[in-house]
């Protein structure tokens, strides 16, 4: 790993830890904020440790690009968890490829009720 690449990787690592320190959950709940901060820190440690011994410059660049993209997506959507890349119709997820609410934040049936209301308004 070149010195410039090493500095870039260490800079990303520091950026993630600063991000985690300042992170606020979109729900505004302290419990959610703590869980999300912990997820960010654990995910960063795990992935950086996993890729610690990479020597292929193309693979290192790919990991840097992926890390940067995850940071930007997380900041934009205010969700620290990775978004699904593609979801097949037979997958077990109930949220679809682009969830409109976070898991556990809506009441049972609330999304279906909103969907039915919007359908009935369109059909008038």
PDB file of N, CA and C in Angstrom:
ATOM      1  N   UNK A   1       0.850  -1.165   0.000  1.00  0.00           N
ATOM      2  CA  UNK A   1       0.000   0.000   0.000  1.00  0.00           C
ATOM      3  C   UNK A   1       0.896   1.229   0.000  1.00  0.00           C
ATOM      4  N   UNK A   2       0.606   2.139  -0.892  1.00  0.00           N
ATOM      5  CA  UNK A   2       1.403   3.363  -0.967  1.00  0.00           C
ATOM      6  C   UNK A   2       1.078   4.272   0.217  1.00  0.00           C
ATOM      7  N   UNK A   3       1.941   5.219   0.445  1.00  0.00           N
ATOM      8  CA  UNK A   3       1.732   6.163   1.543  1.00  0.00           C
ATOM      9  C   UNK A   3       0.465   6.980   1.331  1.00  0.00           C
ATOM     10  N   UNK A   4       0.211   7.389   0.090  1.00  0.00           N
ATOM     11  CA  UNK A   4      -0.987   8.182  -0.206  1.00  0.00           C
ATOM     12  C   UNK A   4      -2.251   7.367   0.047  1.00  0.00           C
ATOM     13  N   UNK A   5      -2.236   6.096  -0.354  1.00  0.00           N
ATOM     14  CA  UNK A   5      -3.396   5.229  -0.140  1.00  0.00           C
ATOM     15  C   UNK A   5      -3.606   4.991   1.350  1.00  0.00           C
ATOM     16  N   UNK A   6      -2.515   4.770   2.063  1.00  0.00           N
ATOM     17  CA  UNK A   6      -2.610   4.559   3.515  1.00  0.00           C
ATOM     18  C   UNK A   6      -3.224   5.786   4.191  1.00  0.00           C
ATOM     19  N   UNK A   7      -2.794   6.970   3.790  1.00  0.00           N
ATOM     20  CA  UNK A   7      -3.340   8.196   4.368  1.00  0.00           C
ATOM     21  C   UNK A   7      -4.832   8.340   4.047  1.00  0.00           C
ATOM     22  N   UNK A   8      -5.216   7.961   2.819  1.00  0.00           N
ATOM     23  CA  UNK A   8      -6.619   8.044   2.426  1.00  0.00           C
ATOM     24  C   UNK A   8      -7.473   7.087   3.264  1.00  0.00           C
ATOM     25  N   UNK A   9      -6.989   5.871   3.480  1.00  0.00           N
ATOM     26  CA  UNK A   9      -7.718   4.876   4.278  1.00  0.00           C
ATOM     27  C   UNK A   9      -7.826   5.342   5.724  1.00  0.00           C
ATOM     28  N   UNK A  10      -6.736   5.813   6.291  1.00  0.00           N
ATOM     29  CA  UNK A  10      -6.781   6.304   7.672  1.00  0.00           C
ATOM     30  C   UNK A  10      -7.696   7.524   7.802  1.00  0.00           C
ATOM     31  N   UNK A  11      -7.714   8.364   6.790  1.00  0.00           N
ATOM     32  CA  UNK A  11      -8.616   9.517   6.784  1.00  0.00           C
ATOM     33  C   UNK A  11     -10.075   9.087   6.777  1.00  0.00           C
ATOM     34  N   UNK A  12     -10.395   8.057   5.988  1.00  0.00           N
ATOM     35  CA  UNK A  12     -11.762   7.534   5.984  1.00  0.00           C
ATOM     36  C   UNK A  12     -12.137   6.951   7.341  1.00  0.00           C
ATOM     37  N   UNK A  13     -11.207   6.230   7.939  1.00  0.00           N
ATOM     38  CA  UNK A  13     -11.444   5.630   9.249  1.00  0.00           C
ATOM     39  C   UNK A  13     -11.740   6.710  10.283  1.00  0.00           C
ATOM     40  N   UNK A  14     -10.938   7.767  10.289  1.00  0.00           N
ATOM     41  CA  UNK A  14     -11.180   8.885  11.214  1.00  0.00           C
ATOM     42  C   UNK A  14     -12.507   9.577  10.907  1.00  0.00           C
ATOM     43  N   UNK A  15     -12.811   9.733   9.619  1.00  0.00           N
ATOM     44  CA  UNK A  15     -14.067  10.383   9.223  1.00  0.00           C
ATOM     45  C   UNK A  15     -15.268   9.593   9.742  1.00  0.00           C
ATOM     46  N   UNK A  16     -15.200   8.279   9.666  1.00  0.00           N
ATOM     47  CA  UNK A  16     -16.298   7.433  10.156  1.00  0.00           C
ATOM     48  C   UNK A  16     -16.465   7.593  11.656  1.00  0.00           C
ATOM     49  N   UNK A  17     -15.365   7.630  12.390  1.00  0.00           N
ATOM     50  CA  UNK A  17     -15.464   7.776  13.838  1.00  0.00           C
ATOM     51  C   UNK A  17     -15.980   9.158  14.234  1.00  0.00           C
ATOM     52  N   UNK A  18     -15.601  10.182  13.485  1.00  0.00           N
ATOM     53  CA  UNK A  18     -16.167  11.520  13.746  1.00  0.00           C
ATOM     54  C   UNK A  18     -17.654  11.528  13.422  1.00  0.00           C
ATOM     55  N   UNK A  19     -18.025  10.882  12.330  1.00  0.00           N
ATOM     56  CA  UNK A  19     -19.431  10.783  11.943  1.00  0.00           C
ATOM     57  C   UNK A  19     -20.239  10.085  13.033  1.00  0.00           C
ATOM     58  N   UNK A  20     -19.710   8.985  13.558  1.00  0.00           N
ATOM     59  CA  UNK A  20     -20.406   8.243  14.615  1.00  0.00           C
ATOM     60  C   UNK A  20     -20.567   9.091  15.872  1.00  0.00           C
ATOM     61  N   UNK A  21     -19.555   9.877  16.184  1.00  0.00           N
ATOM     62  CA  UNK A  21     -19.620  10.720  17.378  1.00  0.00           C
ATOM     63  C   UNK A  21     -20.739  11.753  17.265  1.00  0.00           C
ATOM     64  N   UNK A  22     -20.959  12.286  16.053  1.00  0.00           N
ATOM     65  CA  UNK A  22     -21.955  13.343  15.847  1.00  0.00           C
ATOM     66  C   UNK A  22     -23.315  12.805  15.391  1.00  0.00           C
ATOM     67  N   UNK A  23     -23.433  11.490  15.152  1.00  0.00           N
ATOM     68  CA  UNK A  23     -24.631  10.909  14.557  1.00  0.00           C
ATOM     69  C   UNK A  23     -25.862  11.128  15.431  1.00  0.00           C
ATOM     70  N   UNK A  24     -26.969  11.491  14.786  1.00  0.00           N
ATOM     71  CA  UNK A  24     -28.274  11.599  15.435  1.00  0.00           C
ATOM     72  C   UNK A  24     -29.258  10.773  14.629  1.00  0.00           C
ATOM     73  N   UNK A  25     -30.001   9.909  15.291  1.00  0.00           N
ATOM     74  CA  UNK A  25     -30.992   9.085  14.607  1.00  0.00           C
ATOM     75  C   UNK A  25     -32.104   9.974  14.065  1.00  0.00           C
ATOM     76  N   UNK A  26     -32.634   9.603  12.919  1.00  0.00           N
ATOM     77  CA  UNK A  26     -33.701  10.386  12.299  1.00  0.00           C
ATOM     78  C   UNK A  26     -34.959  10.397  13.163  1.00  0.00           C
ATOM     79  N   UNK A  27     -35.144   9.369  13.974  1.00  0.00           N
ATOM     80  CA  UNK A  27     -36.326   9.298  14.831  1.00  0.00           C
ATOM     81  C   UNK A  27     -36.234  10.277  15.998  1.00  0.00           C
ATOM     82  N   UNK A  28     -35.021  10.711  16.320  1.00  0.00           N
ATOM     83  CA  UNK A  28     -34.828  11.628  17.434  1.00  0.00           C
ATOM     84  C   UNK A  28     -34.776  10.933  18.783  1.00  0.00           C
ATOM     85  N   UNK A  29     -34.966   9.627  18.803  1.00  0.00           N
ATOM     86  CA  UNK A  29     -34.961   8.858  20.045  1.00  0.00           C
ATOM     87  C   UNK A  29     -33.518   8.548  20.449  1.00  0.00           C
ATOM     88  N   UNK A  30     -33.203   8.747  21.718  1.00  0.00           N
ATOM     89  CA  UNK A  30     -31.856   8.509  22.215  1.00  0.00           C
ATOM     90  C   UNK A  30     -31.454   7.042  22.065  1.00  0.00           C
ATOM     91  N   UNK A  31     -32.393   6.115  22.287  1.00  0.00           N
ATOM     92  CA  UNK A  31     -32.084   4.687  22.166  1.00  0.00           C
ATOM     93  C   UNK A  31     -31.672   4.346  20.733  1.00  0.00           C
ATOM     94  N   UNK A  32     -32.399   4.908  19.759  1.00  0.00           N
ATOM     95  CA  UNK A  32     -32.075   4.672  18.352  1.00  0.00           C
ATOM     96  C   UNK A  32     -30.708   5.268  18.004  1.00  0.00           C
ATOM     97  N   UNK A  33     -30.440   6.452  18.529  1.00  0.00           N
ATOM     98  CA  UNK A  33     -29.159   7.106  18.274  1.00  0.00           C
ATOM     99  C   UNK A  33     -28.014   6.255  18.808  1.00  0.00           C
ATOM    100  N   UNK A  34     -28.156   5.739  20.006  1.00  0.00           N
ATOM    101  CA  UNK A  34     -27.104   4.914  20.598  1.00  0.00           C
ATOM    102  C   UNK A  34     -26.897   3.642  19.783  1.00  0.00           C
ATOM    103  N   UNK A  35     -27.999   2.984  19.386  1.00  0.00           N
ATOM    104  CA  UNK A  35     -27.885   1.761  18.589  1.00  0.00           C
ATOM    105  C   UNK A  35     -27.221   2.034  17.245  1.00  0.00           C
ATOM    106  N   UNK A  36     -27.603   3.125  16.600  1.00  0.00           N
ATOM    107  CA  UNK A  36     -27.039   3.450  15.291  1.00  0.00           C
ATOM    108  C   UNK A  36     -25.566   3.835  15.391  1.00  0.00           C
ATOM    109  N   UNK A  37     -25.200   4.588  16.424  1.00  0.00           N
ATOM    110  CA  UNK A  37     -23.787   4.930  16.627  1.00  0.00           C
ATOM    111  C   UNK A  37     -22.960   3.661  16.825  1.00  0.00           C
ATOM    112  N   UNK A  38     -23.485   2.757  17.639  1.00  0.00           N
ATOM    113  CA  UNK A  38     -22.768   1.505  17.902  1.00  0.00           C
ATOM    114  C   UNK A  38     -22.640   0.677  16.633  1.00  0.00           C
ATOM    115  N   UNK A  39     -23.693   0.669  15.812  1.00  0.00           N
ATOM    116  CA  UNK A  39     -23.646  -0.067  14.545  1.00  0.00           C
ATOM    117  C   UNK A  39     -22.554   0.511  13.637  1.00  0.00           C
ATOM    118  N   UNK A  40     -22.500   1.827  13.541  1.00  0.00           N
ATOM    119  CA  UNK A  40     -21.500   2.479  12.687  1.00  0.00           C
ATOM    120  C   UNK A  40     -20.091   2.092  13.135  1.00  0.00           C
ATOM    121  N   UNK A  41     -19.835   2.174  14.432  1.00  0.00           N
ATOM    122  CA  UNK A  41     -18.501   1.857  14.951  1.00  0.00           C
ATOM    123  C   UNK A  41     -18.151   0.379  14.734  1.00  0.00           C
ATOM    124  N   UNK A  42     -19.085  -0.506  15.049  1.00  0.00           N
ATOM    125  CA  UNK A  42     -18.827  -1.939  14.884  1.00  0.00           C
ATOM    126  C   UNK A  42     -18.621  -2.310  13.422  1.00  0.00           C
ATOM    127  N   UNK A  43     -19.434  -1.754  12.543  1.00  0.00           N
ATOM    128  CA  UNK A  43     -19.321  -2.044  11.108  1.00  0.00           C
ATOM    129  C   UNK A  43     -17.981  -1.551  10.566  1.00  0.00           C
ATOM    130  N   UNK A  44     -17.565  -0.364  10.987  1.00  0.00           N
ATOM    131  CA  UNK A  44     -16.283   0.181  10.525  1.00  0.00           C
ATOM    132  C   UNK A  44     -15.127  -0.693  11.010  1.00  0.00           C
ATOM    133  N   UNK A  45     -15.136  -1.021  12.292  1.00  0.00           N
ATOM    134  CA  UNK A  45     -14.055  -1.860  12.829  1.00  0.00           C
ATOM    135  C   UNK A  45     -13.989  -3.206  12.120  1.00  0.00           C
ATOM    136  N   UNK A  46     -15.147  -3.829  11.940  1.00  0.00           N
ATOM    137  CA  UNK A  46     -15.196  -5.145  11.305  1.00  0.00           C
ATOM    138  C   UNK A  46     -14.666  -5.099   9.879  1.00  0.00           C
ATOM    139  N   UNK A  47     -15.152  -4.157   9.079  1.00  0.00           N
ATOM    140  CA  UNK A  47     -14.743  -4.097   7.680  1.00  0.00           C
ATOM    141  C   UNK A  47     -13.281  -3.674   7.510  1.00  0.00           C
ATOM    142  N   UNK A  48     -12.834  -2.731   8.316  1.00  0.00           N
ATOM    143  CA  UNK A  48     -11.441  -2.313   8.206  1.00  0.00           C
ATOM    144  C   UNK A  48     -10.499  -3.434   8.651  1.00  0.00           C
ATOM    145  N   UNK A  49     -10.868  -4.174   9.698  1.00  0.00           N
ATOM    146  CA  UNK A  49     -10.041  -5.306  10.135  1.00  0.00           C
ATOM    147  C   UNK A  49     -10.027  -6.413   9.083  1.00  0.00           C
ATOM    148  N   UNK A  50     -11.198  -6.658   8.469  1.00  0.00           N
ATOM    149  CA  UNK A  50     -11.308  -7.696   7.439  1.00  0.00           C
ATOM    150  C   UNK A  50     -10.405  -7.372   6.241  1.00  0.00           C
ATOM    151  N   UNK A  51     -10.327  -6.113   5.879  1.00  0.00           N
ATOM    152  CA  UNK A  51      -9.568  -5.703   4.694  1.00  0.00           C
ATOM    153  C   UNK A  51      -8.169  -5.190   5.024  1.00  0.00           C
ATOM    154  N   UNK A  52      -7.732  -5.398   6.222  1.00  0.00           N
ATOM    155  CA  UNK A  52      -6.453  -4.871   6.693  1.00  0.00           C
ATOM    156  C   UNK A  52      -5.250  -5.351   5.871  1.00  0.00           C
ATOM    157  N   UNK A  53      -5.278  -6.587   5.434  1.00  0.00           N
ATOM    158  CA  UNK A  53      -4.120  -7.175   4.761  1.00  0.00           C
ATOM    159  C   UNK A  53      -4.232  -7.170   3.241  1.00  0.00           C
ATOM    160  N   UNK A  54      -5.124  -6.374   2.678  1.00  0.00           N
ATOM    161  CA  UNK A  54      -5.228  -6.304   1.226  1.00  0.00           C
ATOM    162  C   UNK A  54      -3.968  -5.669   0.641  1.00  0.00           C
ATOM    163  N   UNK A  55      -3.532  -6.214  -0.495  1.00  0.00           N
ATOM    164  CA  UNK A  55      -2.351  -5.664  -1.152  1.00  0.00           C
ATOM    165  C   UNK A  55      -2.641  -5.241  -2.590  1.00  0.00           C
ATOM    166  N   UNK A  56      -3.700  -5.761  -3.168  1.00  0.00           N
ATOM    167  CA  UNK A  56      -4.063  -5.427  -4.547  1.00  0.00           C
ATOM    168  C   UNK A  56      -4.592  -3.991  -4.595  1.00  0.00           C
ATOM    169  N   UNK A  57      -3.939  -3.118  -5.340  1.00  0.00           N
ATOM    170  CA  UNK A  57      -4.312  -1.705  -5.371  1.00  0.00           C
ATOM    171  C   UNK A  57      -5.709  -1.487  -5.939  1.00  0.00           C
ATOM    172  N   UNK A  58      -6.107  -2.295  -6.925  1.00  0.00           N
ATOM    173  CA  UNK A  58      -7.459  -2.153  -7.481  1.00  0.00           C
ATOM    174  C   UNK A  58      -8.518  -2.516  -6.448  1.00  0.00           C
ATOM    175  N   UNK A  59      -8.265  -3.567  -5.683  1.00  0.00           N
ATOM    176  CA  UNK A  59      -9.205  -3.986  -4.647  1.00  0.00           C
ATOM    177  C   UNK A  59      -9.268  -2.957  -3.520  1.00  0.00           C
ATOM    178  N   UNK A  60      -8.127  -2.393  -3.173  1.00  0.00           N
ATOM    179  CA  UNK A  60      -8.092  -1.345  -2.141  1.00  0.00           C
ATOM    180  C   UNK A  60      -8.887  -0.129  -2.619  1.00  0.00           C
ATOM    181  N   UNK A  61      -8.708   0.263  -3.863  1.00  0.00           N
ATOM    182  CA  UNK A  61      -9.440   1.410  -4.417  1.00  0.00           C
ATOM    183  C   UNK A  61     -10.938   1.135  -4.421  1.00  0.00           C
ATOM    184  N   UNK A  62     -11.317  -0.103  -4.739  1.00  0.00           N
ATOM    185  CA  UNK A  62     -12.730  -0.483  -4.737  1.00  0.00           C
ATOM    186  C   UNK A  62     -13.310  -0.375  -3.322  1.00  0.00           C
ATOM    187  N   UNK A  63     -12.557  -0.818  -2.323  1.00  0.00           N
ATOM    188  CA  UNK A  63     -13.015  -0.710  -0.928  1.00  0.00           C
ATOM    189  C   UNK A  63     -13.130   0.751  -0.493  1.00  0.00           C
ATOM    190  N   UNK A  64     -12.183   1.576  -0.917  1.00  0.00           N
ATOM    191  CA  UNK A  64     -12.242   3.014  -0.597  1.00  0.00           C
ATOM    192  C   UNK A  64     -13.482   3.639  -1.221  1.00  0.00           C
ATOM    193  N   UNK A  65     -13.754   3.308  -2.482  1.00  0.00           N
ATOM    194  CA  UNK A  65     -14.937   3.849  -3.161  1.00  0.00           C
ATOM    195  C   UNK A  65     -16.223   3.391  -2.482  1.00  0.00           C
ATOM    196  N   UNK A  66     -16.271   2.121  -2.088  1.00  0.00           N
ATOM    197  CA  UNK A  66     -17.454   1.593  -1.404  1.00  0.00           C
ATOM    198  C   UNK A  66     -17.663   2.288  -0.066  1.00  0.00           C
ATOM    199  N   UNK A  67     -16.584   2.503   0.666  1.00  0.00           N
ATOM    200  CA  UNK A  67     -16.658   3.179   1.960  1.00  0.00           C
ATOM    201  C   UNK A  67     -17.170   4.608   1.793  1.00  0.00           C
ATOM    202  N   UNK A  68     -16.621   5.315   0.833  1.00  0.00           N
ATOM    203  CA  UNK A  68     -17.046   6.688   0.570  1.00  0.00           C
ATOM    204  C   UNK A  68     -18.521   6.730   0.175  1.00  0.00           C
ATOM    205  N   UNK A  69     -18.942   5.795  -0.668  1.00  0.00           N
ATOM    206  CA  UNK A  69     -20.345   5.748  -1.091  1.00  0.00           C
ATOM    207  C   UNK A  69     -21.261   5.473   0.093  1.00  0.00           C
ATOM    208  N   UNK A  70     -20.871   4.538   0.966  1.00  0.00           N
ATOM    209  CA  UNK A  70     -21.717   4.233   2.137  1.00  0.00           C
ATOM    210  C   UNK A  70     -21.826   5.429   3.068  1.00  0.00           C
ATOM    211  N   UNK A  71     -20.744   6.182   3.211  1.00  0.00           N
ATOM    212  CA  UNK A  71     -20.789   7.379   4.053  1.00  0.00           C
ATOM    213  C   UNK A  71     -21.764   8.387   3.458  1.00  0.00           C
ATOM    214  N   UNK A  72     -21.637   8.652   2.170  1.00  0.00           N
ATOM    215  CA  UNK A  72     -22.497   9.642   1.513  1.00  0.00           C
ATOM    216  C   UNK A  72     -23.966   9.212   1.527  1.00  0.00           C
ATOM    217  N   UNK A  73     -24.231   7.955   1.257  1.00  0.00           N
ATOM    218  CA  UNK A  73     -25.614   7.448   1.272  1.00  0.00           C
ATOM    219  C   UNK A  73     -26.188   7.530   2.685  1.00  0.00           C
ATOM    220  N   UNK A  74     -25.380   7.157   3.675  1.00  0.00           N
ATOM    221  CA  UNK A  74     -25.838   7.238   5.064  1.00  0.00           C
ATOM    222  C   UNK A  74     -26.163   8.655   5.484  1.00  0.00           C
ATOM    223  N   UNK A  75     -25.327   9.591   5.085  1.00  0.00           N
ATOM    224  CA  UNK A  75     -25.591  10.991   5.411  1.00  0.00           C
ATOM    225  C   UNK A  75     -26.816  11.519   4.680  1.00  0.00           C
ATOM    226  N   UNK A  76     -26.958  11.144   3.424  1.00  0.00           N
ATOM    227  CA  UNK A  76     -28.076  11.642   2.632  1.00  0.00           C
ATOM    228  C   UNK A  76     -29.417  11.128   3.151  1.00  0.00           C
ATOM    229  N   UNK A  77     -29.501   9.822   3.399  1.00  0.00           N
ATOM    230  CA  UNK A  77     -30.763   9.220   3.825  1.00  0.00           C
ATOM    231  C   UNK A  77     -30.918   9.180   5.332  1.00  0.00           C
ATOM    232  N   UNK A  78     -29.912   9.579   6.066  1.00  0.00           N
ATOM    233  CA  UNK A  78     -29.891   9.551   7.528  1.00  0.00           C
ATOM    234  C   UNK A  78     -30.170   8.152   8.061  1.00  0.00           C
ATOM    235  N   UNK A  79     -29.623   7.160   7.371  1.00  0.00           N
ATOM    236  CA  UNK A  79     -29.746   5.768   7.782  1.00  0.00           C
ATOM    237  C   UNK A  79     -28.346   5.160   7.702  1.00  0.00           C
ATOM    238  N   UNK A  80     -27.818   4.638   8.812  1.00  0.00           N
ATOM    239  CA  UNK A  80     -26.462   4.106   8.770  1.00  0.00           C
ATOM    240  C   UNK A  80     -26.353   2.725   8.125  1.00  0.00           C
ATOM    241  N   UNK A  81     -27.484   2.071   7.942  1.00  0.00           N
ATOM    242  CA  UNK A  81     -27.472   0.706   7.425  1.00  0.00           C
ATOM    243  C   UNK A  81     -27.382   0.725   5.902  1.00  0.00           C
ATOM    244  N   UNK A  82     -26.699  -0.267   5.318  1.00  0.00           N
ATOM    245  CA  UNK A  82     -26.588  -0.282   3.851  1.00  0.00           C
ATOM    246  C   UNK A  82     -27.940  -0.501   3.198  1.00  0.00           C
ATOM    247  N   UNK A  83     -28.167   0.197   2.101  1.00  0.00           N
ATOM    248  CA  UNK A  83     -29.419   0.036   1.363  1.00  0.00           C
ATOM    249  C   UNK A  83     -29.289  -1.178   0.454  1.00  0.00           C
ATOM    250  N   UNK A  84     -30.375  -1.941   0.277  1.00  0.00           N
ATOM    251  CA  UNK A  84     -30.306  -3.106  -0.607  1.00  0.00           C
ATOM    252  C   UNK A  84     -30.014  -2.681  -2.040  1.00  0.00           C
ATOM    253  N   UNK A  85     -29.144  -3.411  -2.700  1.00  0.00           N
ATOM    254  CA  UNK A  85     -28.793  -3.096  -4.080  1.00  0.00           C
ATOM    255  C   UNK A  85     -29.892  -3.559  -5.015  1.00  0.00           C
ATOM    256  N   UNK A  86     -30.310  -4.790  -4.856  1.00  0.00           N
ATOM    257  CA  UNK A  86     -31.412  -5.299  -5.652  1.00  0.00           C
ATOM    258  C   UNK A  86     -32.172  -6.319  -4.829  1.00  0.00           C
ATOM    259  N   UNK A  87     -33.469  -6.323  -4.982  1.00  0.00           N
ATOM    260  CA  UNK A  87     -34.314  -7.243  -4.255  1.00  0.00           C
ATOM    261  C   UNK A  87     -35.211  -7.933  -5.262  1.00  0.00           C
ATOM    262  N   UNK A  88     -35.224  -9.246  -5.215  1.00  0.00           N
ATOM    263  CA  UNK A  88     -36.078 -10.002  -6.118  1.00  0.00           C
ATOM    264  C   UNK A  88     -37.474 -10.104  -5.535  1.00  0.00           C
ATOM    265  N   UNK A  89     -38.496 -10.314  -6.380  1.00  0.00           N
ATOM    266  CA  UNK A  89     -39.863 -10.400  -5.875  1.00  0.00           C
ATOM    267  C   UNK A  89     -40.075 -11.518  -4.858  1.00  0.00           C
ATOM    268  N   UNK A  90     -39.291 -12.584  -4.912  1.00  0.00           N
ATOM    269  CA  UNK A  90     -39.475 -13.693  -3.981  1.00  0.00           C
ATOM    270  C   UNK A  90     -38.608 -13.578  -2.730  1.00  0.00           C
ATOM    271  N   UNK A  91     -38.005 -12.416  -2.508  1.00  0.00           N
ATOM    272  CA  UNK A  91     -37.180 -12.249  -1.314  1.00  0.00           C
ATOM    273  C   UNK A  91     -38.064 -12.127  -0.084  1.00  0.00           C
ATOM    274  N   UNK A  92     -37.469 -12.313   1.075  1.00  0.00           N
ATOM    275  CA  UNK A  92     -38.246 -12.336   2.314  1.00  0.00           C
ATOM    276  C   UNK A  92     -38.424 -10.952   2.935  1.00  0.00           C
ATOM    277  N   UNK A  93     -37.874  -9.918   2.349  1.00  0.00           N
ATOM    278  CA  UNK A  93     -38.010  -8.586   2.928  1.00  0.00           C
ATOM    279  C   UNK A  93     -39.422  -8.054   2.714  1.00  0.00           C
ATOM    280  N   UNK A  94     -39.959  -7.430   3.740  1.00  0.00           N
ATOM    281  CA  UNK A  94     -41.298  -6.865   3.624  1.00  0.00           C
ATOM    282  C   UNK A  94     -41.250  -5.374   3.331  1.00  0.00           C
ATOM    283  N   UNK A  95     -40.060  -4.818   3.212  1.00  0.00           N
ATOM    284  CA  UNK A  95     -39.921  -3.388   3.023  1.00  0.00           C
ATOM    285  C   UNK A  95     -39.657  -2.998   1.584  1.00  0.00           C
ATOM    286  N   UNK A  96     -39.377  -3.951   0.719  1.00  0.00           N
ATOM    287  CA  UNK A  96     -39.093  -3.630  -0.667  1.00  0.00           C
ATOM    288  C   UNK A  96     -37.694  -3.061  -0.805  1.00  0.00           C
ATOM    289  N   UNK A  97     -37.293  -2.746  -2.018  1.00  0.00           N
ATOM    290  CA  UNK A  97     -35.937  -2.255  -2.206  1.00  0.00           C
ATOM    291  C   UNK A  97     -35.710  -0.859  -1.662  1.00  0.00           C
ATOM    292  N   UNK A  98     -36.763  -0.059  -1.524  1.00  0.00           N
ATOM    293  CA  UNK A  98     -36.613   1.303  -1.028  1.00  0.00           C
ATOM    294  C   UNK A  98     -37.659   1.560   0.046  1.00  0.00           C
ATOM    295  N   UNK A  99     -37.332   1.228   1.301  1.00  0.00           N
ATOM    296  CA  UNK A  99     -38.321   1.397   2.356  1.00  0.00           C
ATOM    297  C   UNK A  99     -38.681   2.863   2.563  1.00  0.00           C
ATOM    298  N   UNK A 100     -39.968   3.098   2.837  1.00  0.00           N
ATOM    299  CA  UNK A 100     -40.409   4.463   3.079  1.00  0.00           C
ATOM    300  C   UNK A 100     -40.359   4.797   4.556  1.00  0.00           C
ATOM    301  N   UNK A 101     -40.316   3.790   5.406  1.00  0.00           N
ATOM    302  CA  UNK A 101     -40.147   4.018   6.837  1.00  0.00           C
ATOM    303  C   UNK A 101     -39.100   3.055   7.346  1.00  0.00           C
ATOM    304  N   UNK A 102     -38.569   3.338   8.499  1.00  0.00           N
ATOM    305  CA  UNK A 102     -37.592   2.451   9.105  1.00  0.00           C
ATOM    306  C   UNK A 102     -38.317   1.271   9.729  1.00  0.00           C
ATOM    307  N   UNK A 103     -37.685   0.107   9.758  1.00  0.00           N
ATOM    308  CA  UNK A 103     -38.300  -1.037  10.415  1.00  0.00           C
ATOM    309  C   UNK A 103     -38.593  -0.723  11.872  1.00  0.00           C
ATOM    310  N   UNK A 104     -39.808  -1.030  12.296  1.00  0.00           N
ATOM    311  CA  UNK A 104     -40.177  -0.836  13.683  1.00  0.00           C
ATOM    312  C   UNK A 104     -40.676   0.554  14.023  1.00  0.00           C
ATOM    313  N   UNK A 105     -40.719   1.498  13.069  1.00  0.00           N
ATOM    314  CA  UNK A 105     -41.162   2.849  13.400  1.00  0.00           C
ATOM    315  C   UNK A 105     -42.624   3.084  13.076  1.00  0.00           C
ATOM    316  N   UNK A 106     -43.238   2.206  12.282  1.00  0.00           N
ATOM    317  CA  UNK A 106     -44.651   2.392  11.968  1.00  0.00           C
ATOM    318  C   UNK A 106     -45.484   1.401  12.761  1.00  0.00           C
ATOM    319  N   UNK A 107     -46.745   1.748  12.964  1.00  0.00           N
ATOM    320  CA  UNK A 107     -47.664   0.868  13.667  1.00  0.00           C
ATOM    321  C   UNK A 107     -48.126  -0.222  12.706  1.00  0.00           C
ATOM    322  N   UNK A 108     -48.504  -1.389  13.227  1.00  0.00           N
ATOM    323  CA  UNK A 108     -48.980  -2.453  12.347  1.00  0.00           C
ATOM    324  C   UNK A 108     -50.161  -1.980  11.506  1.00  0.00           C
ATOM    325  N   UNK A 109     -50.093  -2.214  10.224  1.00  0.00           N
ATOM    326  CA  UNK A 109     -51.166  -1.845   9.317  1.00  0.00           C
ATOM    327  C   UNK A 109     -51.137  -0.402   8.841  1.00  0.00           C
ATOM    328  N   UNK A 110     -50.258   0.417   9.409  1.00  0.00           N
ATOM    329  CA  UNK A 110     -50.227   1.835   9.065  1.00  0.00           C
ATOM    330  C   UNK A 110     -49.840   2.053   7.602  1.00  0.00           C
ATOM    331  N   UNK A 111     -48.834   1.334   7.138  1.00  0.00           N
ATOM    332  CA  UNK A 111     -48.387   1.499   5.754  1.00  0.00           C
ATOM    333  C   UNK A 111     -49.477   1.036   4.797  1.00  0.00           C
ATOM    334  N   UNK A 112     -50.117  -0.107   5.119  1.00  0.00           N
ATOM    335  CA  UNK A 112     -51.191  -0.608   4.261  1.00  0.00           C
ATOM    336  C   UNK A 112     -52.360   0.388   4.217  1.00  0.00           C
ATOM    337  N   UNK A 113     -52.663   0.995   5.367  1.00  0.00           N
ATOM    338  CA  UNK A 113     -53.751   1.968   5.433  1.00  0.00           C
ATOM    339  C   UNK A 113     -53.449   3.190   4.560  1.00  0.00           C
ATOM    340  N   UNK A 114     -52.233   3.677   4.634  1.00  0.00           N
ATOM    341  CA  UNK A 114     -51.821   4.822   3.818  1.00  0.00           C
ATOM    342  C   UNK A 114     -51.896   4.453   2.342  1.00  0.00           C
ATOM    343  N   UNK A 115     -51.419   3.245   2.020  1.00  0.00           N
ATOM    344  CA  UNK A 115     -51.439   2.778   0.637  1.00  0.00           C
ATOM    345  C   UNK A 115     -52.874   2.692   0.129  1.00  0.00           C
ATOM    346  N   UNK A 116     -53.777   2.104   0.916  1.00  0.00           N
ATOM    347  CA  UNK A 116     -55.170   1.972   0.506  1.00  0.00           C
ATOM    348  C   UNK A 116     -55.827   3.344   0.340  1.00  0.00           C
ATOM    349  N   UNK A 117     -55.523   4.286   1.221  1.00  0.00           N
ATOM    350  CA  UNK A 117     -56.065   5.622   1.113  1.00  0.00           C
ATOM    351  C   UNK A 117     -55.606   6.305  -0.169  1.00  0.00           C
ATOM    352  N   UNK A 118     -54.332   6.157  -0.482  1.00  0.00           N
ATOM    353  CA  UNK A 118     -53.812   6.810  -1.698  1.00  0.00           C
ATOM    354  C   UNK A 118     -54.393   6.144  -2.949  1.00  0.00           C
ATOM    355  N   UNK A 119     -54.627   4.842  -2.895  1.00  0.00           N
ATOM    356  CA  UNK A 119     -55.227   4.142  -4.046  1.00  0.00           C
ATOM    357  C   UNK A 119     -56.656   4.620  -4.255  1.00  0.00           C
ATOM    358  N   UNK A 120     -57.411   4.749  -3.163  1.00  0.00           N
ATOM    359  CA  UNK A 120     -58.802   5.173  -3.325  1.00  0.00           C
ATOM    360  C   UNK A 120     -58.894   6.610  -3.829  1.00  0.00           C
ATOM    361  N   UNK A 121     -57.946   7.468  -3.460  1.00  0.00           N
ATOM    362  CA  UNK A 121     -57.957   8.836  -3.949  1.00  0.00           C
ATOM    363  C   UNK A 121     -57.621   8.900  -5.424  1.00  0.00           C
ATOM    364  N   UNK A 122     -56.739   8.026  -5.891  1.00  0.00           N
ATOM    365  CA  UNK A 122     -56.354   7.999  -7.301  1.00  0.00           C
ATOM    366  C   UNK A 122     -57.509   7.489  -8.157  1.00  0.00           C
ATOM    367  N   UNK A 123     -58.264   6.523  -7.638  1.00  0.00           N
ATOM    368  CA  UNK A 123     -59.323   5.901  -8.437  1.00  0.00           C
ATOM    369  C   UNK A 123     -60.593   6.760  -8.508  1.00  0.00           C
ATOM    370  N   UNK A 124     -60.666   7.868  -7.811  1.00  0.00           N
ATOM    371  CA  UNK A 124     -61.875   8.734  -7.850  1.00  0.00           C
ATOM    372  C   UNK A 124     -61.993   9.484  -9.119  1.00  0.00           C
TER     373      UNK A 124
END
